[in-house]
Amino acid sequence: MGAIYVAVVVGADIDRLWQLTQNPVLHARWDLRFSRIVPAESLANGGYRFDYERSLPLHTIRTTGTSLGECDRPDGTRTSVLRFTTADRLSPLGAGRGYWRYVPTGRAVTFSTGYDYTPGWGWMIDRLILRRLIGWMTAWSFDRLRIWAETGTPPERWPVASVLWFWKSGRPRASRCLRRRAGGQSMDAAPATLDTLESP
């Protein structure tokens, strides 16, 4: 399996979506991959260095990342790029990089991501289990974000256990997201700023 790609169409204003995704406190509320995101310092190019946490029952995985956003592109789109790494030997993800892309489409925004990483637990476990799980977590989180942006329903209304609430209408579903990029590999669409972003 290659790099992870997820896209969802969000029926909301691009400024609203930008706020929900670029504010570290709000980001951690909808994204299942993180429990806490803390800005550590500003970078010379206008980006930021962050500390990321994912709390597990017996351990908290800590990761460091650098990020840079572009919200004034000539074509009206916006992008955000990220590099990350960790010294935590228990982390299933090693060093990696990726992007977010925001493309206005009428009254909606197509929000997509592409990212790849070095497996922390070996390529076999990653290929058979972890990459599929992390891809699903990303897609489910994107749909939870979509619901928040479109309806105002806070993401806490949909804890991860809600995937079992089959009787609940309007619940987040990973299946609502596109999981393959048409016309090429997911990292082919990475913004040029990703190559200039400094390492964490």
C-alpha atoms as a PDB file:
ATOM      1  CA  MET A   1       0.000   0.000   0.000  1.00  0.00           C
ATOM      2  CA  GLY A   2       1.192   3.509  -0.784  1.00  0.00           C
ATOM      3  CA  ALA A   3       0.676   6.903   0.769  1.00  0.00           C
ATOM      4  CA  ILE A   4      -2.635   7.614   2.464  1.00  0.00           C
ATOM      5  CA  TYR A   5      -5.148   9.808   0.630  1.00  0.00           C
ATOM      6  CA  VAL A   6      -8.526  11.041   1.884  1.00  0.00           C
ATOM      7  CA  ALA A   7     -10.885  13.671   0.468  1.00  0.00           C
ATOM      8  CA  VAL A   8     -14.317  14.922   1.506  1.00  0.00           C
ATOM      9  CA  VAL A   9     -16.639  17.625   0.189  1.00  0.00           C
ATOM     10  CA  VAL A  10     -17.617  20.031   2.963  1.00  0.00           C
ATOM     11  CA  GLY A  11     -20.634  22.265   2.498  1.00  0.00           C
ATOM     12  CA  ALA A  12     -19.198  25.199   4.405  1.00  0.00           C
ATOM     13  CA  ASP A  13     -17.283  28.415   3.864  1.00  0.00           C
ATOM     14  CA  ILE A  14     -13.535  27.990   3.305  1.00  0.00           C
ATOM     15  CA  ASP A  15     -12.760  30.419   6.146  1.00  0.00           C
ATOM     16  CA  ARG A  16     -14.788  28.261   8.547  1.00  0.00           C
ATOM     17  CA  LEU A  17     -13.013  25.104   7.412  1.00  0.00           C
ATOM     18  CA  TRP A  18      -9.631  26.829   7.677  1.00  0.00           C
ATOM     19  CA  GLN A  19     -10.405  27.829  11.277  1.00  0.00           C
ATOM     20  CA  LEU A  20     -11.482  24.326  12.313  1.00  0.00           C
ATOM     21  CA  THR A  21      -8.379  22.731  10.811  1.00  0.00           C
ATOM     22  CA  GLN A  22      -5.647  25.303  11.491  1.00  0.00           C
ATOM     23  CA  ASN A  23      -6.492  26.147  15.101  1.00  0.00           C
ATOM     24  CA  PRO A  24      -4.572  23.524  17.156  1.00  0.00           C
ATOM     25  CA  VAL A  25      -7.203  23.302  19.896  1.00  0.00           C
ATOM     26  CA  LEU A  26     -10.062  22.852  17.416  1.00  0.00           C
ATOM     27  CA  HIS A  27      -8.041  20.438  15.283  1.00  0.00           C
ATOM     28  CA  ALA A  28      -7.467  18.081  18.207  1.00  0.00           C
ATOM     29  CA  ARG A  29     -11.219  17.995  18.884  1.00  0.00           C
ATOM     30  CA  TRP A  30     -12.210  16.390  15.572  1.00  0.00           C
ATOM     31  CA  ASP A  31      -9.100  14.443  14.545  1.00  0.00           C
ATOM     32  CA  LEU A  32      -9.034  10.951  16.030  1.00  0.00           C
ATOM     33  CA  ARG A  33      -5.286  10.726  15.416  1.00  0.00           C
ATOM     34  CA  PHE A  34      -4.494  13.339  18.087  1.00  0.00           C
ATOM     35  CA  SER A  35      -5.417  14.002  21.695  1.00  0.00           C
ATOM     36  CA  ARG A  36      -3.534  17.278  22.017  1.00  0.00           C
ATOM     37  CA  ILE A  37      -1.680  19.684  19.705  1.00  0.00           C
ATOM     38  CA  VAL A  38       0.496  22.413  21.202  1.00  0.00           C
ATOM     39  CA  PRO A  39       2.355  25.103  19.195  1.00  0.00           C
ATOM     40  CA  ALA A  40       5.989  25.137  20.361  1.00  0.00           C
ATOM     41  CA  GLU A  41       7.540  28.007  18.393  1.00  0.00           C
ATOM     42  CA  SER A  42       7.242  30.133  15.261  1.00  0.00           C
ATOM     43  CA  LEU A  43       9.481  29.425  12.271  1.00  0.00           C
ATOM     44  CA  ALA A  44      11.316  32.025  10.199  1.00  0.00           C
ATOM     45  CA  ASN A  45       9.151  31.323   7.118  1.00  0.00           C
ATOM     46  CA  GLY A  46       5.891  31.970   8.962  1.00  0.00           C
ATOM     47  CA  GLY A  47       5.245  28.357   9.875  1.00  0.00           C
ATOM     48  CA  TYR A  48       5.152  26.701  13.281  1.00  0.00           C
ATOM     49  CA  ARG A  49       6.699  23.868  15.211  1.00  0.00           C
ATOM     50  CA  PHE A  50       4.187  21.719  17.105  1.00  0.00           C
ATOM     51  CA  ASP A  51       4.121  19.011  19.735  1.00  0.00           C
ATOM     52  CA  TYR A  52       1.499  16.333  19.099  1.00  0.00           C
ATOM     53  CA  GLU A  53       0.125  13.763  21.544  1.00  0.00           C
ATOM     54  CA  ARG A  54      -2.026  10.674  21.180  1.00  0.00           C
ATOM     55  CA  SER A  55      -3.119   9.322  24.555  1.00  0.00           C
ATOM     56  CA  LEU A  56      -3.573   5.565  24.801  1.00  0.00           C
ATOM     57  CA  PRO A  57      -4.698   3.569  27.857  1.00  0.00           C
ATOM     58  CA  LEU A  58      -1.152   2.809  29.050  1.00  0.00           C
ATOM     59  CA  HIS A  59       0.992   5.235  27.092  1.00  0.00           C
ATOM     60  CA  THR A  60       1.028   8.662  25.444  1.00  0.00           C
ATOM     61  CA  ILE A  61       2.724   8.865  22.042  1.00  0.00           C
ATOM     62  CA  ARG A  62       4.533  12.181  21.506  1.00  0.00           C
ATOM     63  CA  THR A  63       5.493  13.569  18.117  1.00  0.00           C
ATOM     64  CA  THR A  64       7.104  16.789  16.909  1.00  0.00           C
ATOM     65  CA  GLY A  65       6.117  18.479  13.667  1.00  0.00           C
ATOM     66  CA  THR A  66       6.607  21.575  11.533  1.00  0.00           C
ATOM     67  CA  SER A  67       3.779  23.110   9.534  1.00  0.00           C
ATOM     68  CA  LEU A  68       3.246  25.925   7.047  1.00  0.00           C
ATOM     69  CA  GLY A  69      -0.049  27.175   5.635  1.00  0.00           C
ATOM     70  CA  GLU A  70      -0.845  29.151   2.478  1.00  0.00           C
ATOM     71  CA  CYS A  71      -4.187  30.968   2.426  1.00  0.00           C
ATOM     72  CA  ASP A  72      -3.589  33.551  -0.339  1.00  0.00           C
ATOM     73  CA  ARG A  73      -2.933  31.417  -3.419  1.00  0.00           C
ATOM     74  CA  PRO A  74      -3.779  33.050  -6.789  1.00  0.00           C
ATOM     75  CA  ASP A  75      -6.199  30.255  -7.780  1.00  0.00           C
ATOM     76  CA  GLY A  76      -8.284  30.660  -4.605  1.00  0.00           C
ATOM     77  CA  THR A  77      -7.179  27.365  -3.089  1.00  0.00           C
ATOM     78  CA  ARG A  78      -5.381  26.993   0.217  1.00  0.00           C
ATOM     79  CA  THR A  79      -2.786  24.494   1.395  1.00  0.00           C
ATOM     80  CA  SER A  80      -1.047  23.373   4.551  1.00  0.00           C
ATOM     81  CA  VAL A  81       2.056  21.180   4.680  1.00  0.00           C
ATOM     82  CA  LEU A  82       3.537  19.136   7.506  1.00  0.00           C
ATOM     83  CA  ARG A  83       6.673  17.218   8.432  1.00  0.00           C
ATOM     84  CA  PHE A  84       6.747  15.092  11.581  1.00  0.00           C
ATOM     85  CA  THR A  85       8.984  12.749  13.522  1.00  0.00           C
ATOM     86  CA  THR A  86       9.114  10.975  16.867  1.00  0.00           C
ATOM     87  CA  ALA A  87      11.661   9.424  19.180  1.00  0.00           C
ATOM     88  CA  ASP A  88       8.978   7.202  20.740  1.00  0.00           C
ATOM     89  CA  ARG A  89       9.820   3.558  19.996  1.00  0.00           C
ATOM     90  CA  LEU A  90       6.221   2.572  20.721  1.00  0.00           C
ATOM     91  CA  SER A  91       4.828   4.821  18.000  1.00  0.00           C
ATOM     92  CA  PRO A  92       3.393   2.938  14.990  1.00  0.00           C
ATOM     93  CA  LEU A  93       4.417   5.902  12.806  1.00  0.00           C
ATOM     94  CA  GLY A  94       7.984   7.068  12.353  1.00  0.00           C
ATOM     95  CA  ALA A  95       9.016  10.175  10.434  1.00  0.00           C
ATOM     96  CA  GLY A  96       6.684  11.385   7.708  1.00  0.00           C
ATOM     97  CA  ARG A  97       5.294  14.249   5.690  1.00  0.00           C
ATOM     98  CA  GLY A  98       2.034  15.309   4.134  1.00  0.00           C
ATOM     99  CA  TYR A  99      -0.350  18.067   3.154  1.00  0.00           C
ATOM    100  CA  TRP A 100      -3.888  19.409   3.310  1.00  0.00           C
ATOM    101  CA  ARG A 101      -5.499  21.015   0.266  1.00  0.00           C
ATOM    102  CA  TYR A 102      -8.624  23.202   0.282  1.00  0.00           C
ATOM    103  CA  VAL A 103     -10.341  23.645  -3.106  1.00  0.00           C
ATOM    104  CA  PRO A 104     -13.499  25.811  -3.271  1.00  0.00           C
ATOM    105  CA  THR A 105     -16.204  24.229  -5.440  1.00  0.00           C
ATOM    106  CA  GLY A 106     -19.195  26.538  -5.582  1.00  0.00           C
ATOM    107  CA  ARG A 107     -20.750  26.634  -2.121  1.00  0.00           C
ATOM    108  CA  ALA A 108     -18.551  23.820  -0.835  1.00  0.00           C
ATOM    109  CA  VAL A 109     -14.887  23.007  -0.327  1.00  0.00           C
ATOM    110  CA  THR A 110     -13.118  19.804  -1.334  1.00  0.00           C
ATOM    111  CA  PHE A 111     -10.793  19.108   1.579  1.00  0.00           C
ATOM    112  CA  SER A 112      -8.105  16.508   0.930  1.00  0.00           C
ATOM    113  CA  THR A 113      -4.953  15.114   2.457  1.00  0.00           C
ATOM    114  CA  GLY A 114      -2.065  13.011   1.289  1.00  0.00           C
ATOM    115  CA  TYR A 115       0.651  11.758   3.624  1.00  0.00           C
ATOM    116  CA  ASP A 116       3.235   9.054   4.007  1.00  0.00           C
ATOM    117  CA  TYR A 117       5.505   7.874   6.802  1.00  0.00           C
ATOM    118  CA  THR A 118       8.148   5.383   7.790  1.00  0.00           C
ATOM    119  CA  PRO A 119       6.546   2.440   9.644  1.00  0.00           C
ATOM    120  CA  GLY A 120       7.447   2.369  13.316  1.00  0.00           C
ATOM    121  CA  TRP A 121       6.573  -1.306  13.807  1.00  0.00           C
ATOM    122  CA  GLY A 122       7.956  -2.772  10.585  1.00  0.00           C
ATOM    123  CA  TRP A 123       6.604  -2.857   7.044  1.00  0.00           C
ATOM    124  CA  MET A 124       4.602  -6.080   7.405  1.00  0.00           C
ATOM    125  CA  ILE A 125       2.434  -4.957  10.343  1.00  0.00           C
ATOM    126  CA  ASP A 126       2.057  -1.570   8.693  1.00  0.00           C
ATOM    127  CA  ARG A 127       0.968  -2.994   5.351  1.00  0.00           C
ATOM    128  CA  LEU A 128      -1.404  -5.620   6.752  1.00  0.00           C
ATOM    129  CA  ILE A 129      -3.012  -3.656   9.592  1.00  0.00           C
ATOM    130  CA  LEU A 130      -1.797  -0.218  10.597  1.00  0.00           C
ATOM    131  CA  ARG A 131      -1.913   1.685   7.303  1.00  0.00           C
ATOM    132  CA  ARG A 132      -5.489   0.539   6.721  1.00  0.00           C
ATOM    133  CA  LEU A 133      -6.447   1.518  10.267  1.00  0.00           C
ATOM    134  CA  ILE A 134      -4.773   4.933  10.076  1.00  0.00           C
ATOM    135  CA  GLY A 135      -6.411   5.584   6.713  1.00  0.00           C
ATOM    136  CA  TRP A 136      -9.799   4.717   8.199  1.00  0.00           C
ATOM    137  CA  MET A 137      -9.141   6.967  11.232  1.00  0.00           C
ATOM    138  CA  THR A 138      -8.312   9.836   8.890  1.00  0.00           C
ATOM    139  CA  ALA A 139     -11.451   9.360   6.787  1.00  0.00           C
ATOM    140  CA  TRP A 140     -13.735   8.977   9.808  1.00  0.00           C
ATOM    141  CA  SER A 141     -12.224  12.124  11.321  1.00  0.00           C
ATOM    142  CA  PHE A 142     -12.708  14.050   8.068  1.00  0.00           C
ATOM    143  CA  ASP A 143     -16.408  13.172   8.049  1.00  0.00           C
ATOM    144  CA  ARG A 144     -16.706  14.181  11.715  1.00  0.00           C
ATOM    145  CA  LEU A 145     -15.119  17.511  10.726  1.00  0.00           C
ATOM    146  CA  ARG A 146     -17.590  17.835   7.835  1.00  0.00           C
ATOM    147  CA  ILE A 147     -20.549  17.388  10.179  1.00  0.00           C
ATOM    148  CA  TRP A 148     -19.156  20.011  12.562  1.00  0.00           C
ATOM    149  CA  ALA A 149     -18.548  22.537   9.771  1.00  0.00           C
ATOM    150  CA  GLU A 150     -21.919  21.996   8.103  1.00  0.00           C
ATOM    151  CA  THR A 151     -24.249  21.621  11.083  1.00  0.00           C
ATOM    152  CA  GLY A 152     -22.416  23.036  14.092  1.00  0.00           C
ATOM    153  CA  THR A 153     -22.685  19.668  15.882  1.00  0.00           C
ATOM    154  CA  PRO A 154     -19.544  19.476  18.042  1.00  0.00           C
ATOM    155  CA  PRO A 155     -17.274  16.476  17.369  1.00  0.00           C
ATOM    156  CA  GLU A 156     -17.608  15.325  20.980  1.00  0.00           C
ATOM    157  CA  ARG A 157     -21.165  14.335  20.056  1.00  0.00           C
ATOM    158  CA  TRP A 158     -19.546  11.560  18.020  1.00  0.00           C
ATOM    159  CA  PRO A 159     -16.941   9.686  20.101  1.00  0.00           C
ATOM    160  CA  VAL A 160     -15.176   6.825  18.393  1.00  0.00           C
ATOM    161  CA  ALA A 161     -17.685   4.408  19.954  1.00  0.00           C
ATOM    162  CA  SER A 162     -20.348   6.006  17.753  1.00  0.00           C
ATOM    163  CA  VAL A 163     -19.121   3.878  14.837  1.00  0.00           C
ATOM    164  CA  LEU A 164     -21.307   1.176  16.419  1.00  0.00           C
ATOM    165  CA  TRP A 165     -24.425   3.381  16.556  1.00  0.00           C
ATOM    166  CA  PHE A 166     -25.959   1.973  13.401  1.00  0.00           C
ATOM    167  CA  TRP A 167     -29.375   3.374  14.317  1.00  0.00           C
ATOM    168  CA  LYS A 168     -28.132   6.961  14.506  1.00  0.00           C
ATOM    169  CA  SER A 169     -28.622   9.033  11.373  1.00  0.00           C
ATOM    170  CA  GLY A 170     -26.072  11.685  10.522  1.00  0.00           C
ATOM    171  CA  ARG A 171     -23.213   9.912  12.292  1.00  0.00           C
ATOM    172  CA  PRO A 172     -19.673  10.134  10.843  1.00  0.00           C
ATOM    173  CA  ARG A 173     -18.766   7.493   8.289  1.00  0.00           C
ATOM    174  CA  ALA A 174     -15.385   6.916   6.690  1.00  0.00           C
ATOM    175  CA  SER A 175     -17.213   5.593   3.626  1.00  0.00           C
ATOM    176  CA  ARG A 176     -18.367   9.109   2.750  1.00  0.00           C
ATOM    177  CA  CYS A 177     -14.780  10.031   1.897  1.00  0.00           C
ATOM    178  CA  LEU A 178     -12.839   9.372  -1.270  1.00  0.00           C
ATOM    179  CA  ARG A 179      -9.854   7.146  -0.498  1.00  0.00           C
ATOM    180  CA  ARG A 180      -8.014   7.144  -3.821  1.00  0.00           C
ATOM    181  CA  ARG A 181      -6.830  10.140  -5.802  1.00  0.00           C
ATOM    182  CA  ALA A 182      -7.854  10.161  -9.443  1.00  0.00           C
ATOM    183  CA  GLY A 183      -5.062  10.639 -11.928  1.00  0.00           C
ATOM    184  CA  GLY A 184      -2.023   9.817  -9.834  1.00  0.00           C
ATOM    185  CA  GLN A 185      -0.504   9.013  -6.483  1.00  0.00           C
ATOM    186  CA  SER A 186      -1.631  11.041  -3.484  1.00  0.00           C
ATOM    187  CA  MET A 187       1.768  12.653  -2.895  1.00  0.00           C
ATOM    188  CA  ASP A 188       1.854  13.843  -6.524  1.00  0.00           C
ATOM    189  CA  ALA A 189      -0.527  16.615  -5.451  1.00  0.00           C
ATOM    190  CA  ALA A 190       1.698  17.829  -2.618  1.00  0.00           C
ATOM    191  CA  PRO A 191       2.247  21.625  -2.640  1.00  0.00           C
ATOM    192  CA  ALA A 192       5.734  22.848  -3.528  1.00  0.00           C
ATOM    193  CA  THR A 193       6.069  24.319  -0.034  1.00  0.00           C
ATOM    194  CA  LEU A 194       6.419  20.809   1.359  1.00  0.00           C
ATOM    195  CA  ASP A 195       9.894  20.522  -0.187  1.00  0.00           C
ATOM    196  CA  THR A 196      11.009  23.766   1.469  1.00  0.00           C
ATOM    197  CA  LEU A 197       9.575  23.065   4.930  1.00  0.00           C
ATOM    198  CA  GLU A 198      12.252  22.569   7.540  1.00  0.00           C
ATOM    199  CA  SER A 199      12.515  19.293   9.419  1.00  0.00           C
ATOM    200  CA  PRO A 200      11.059  19.082  12.950  1.00  0.00           C
END
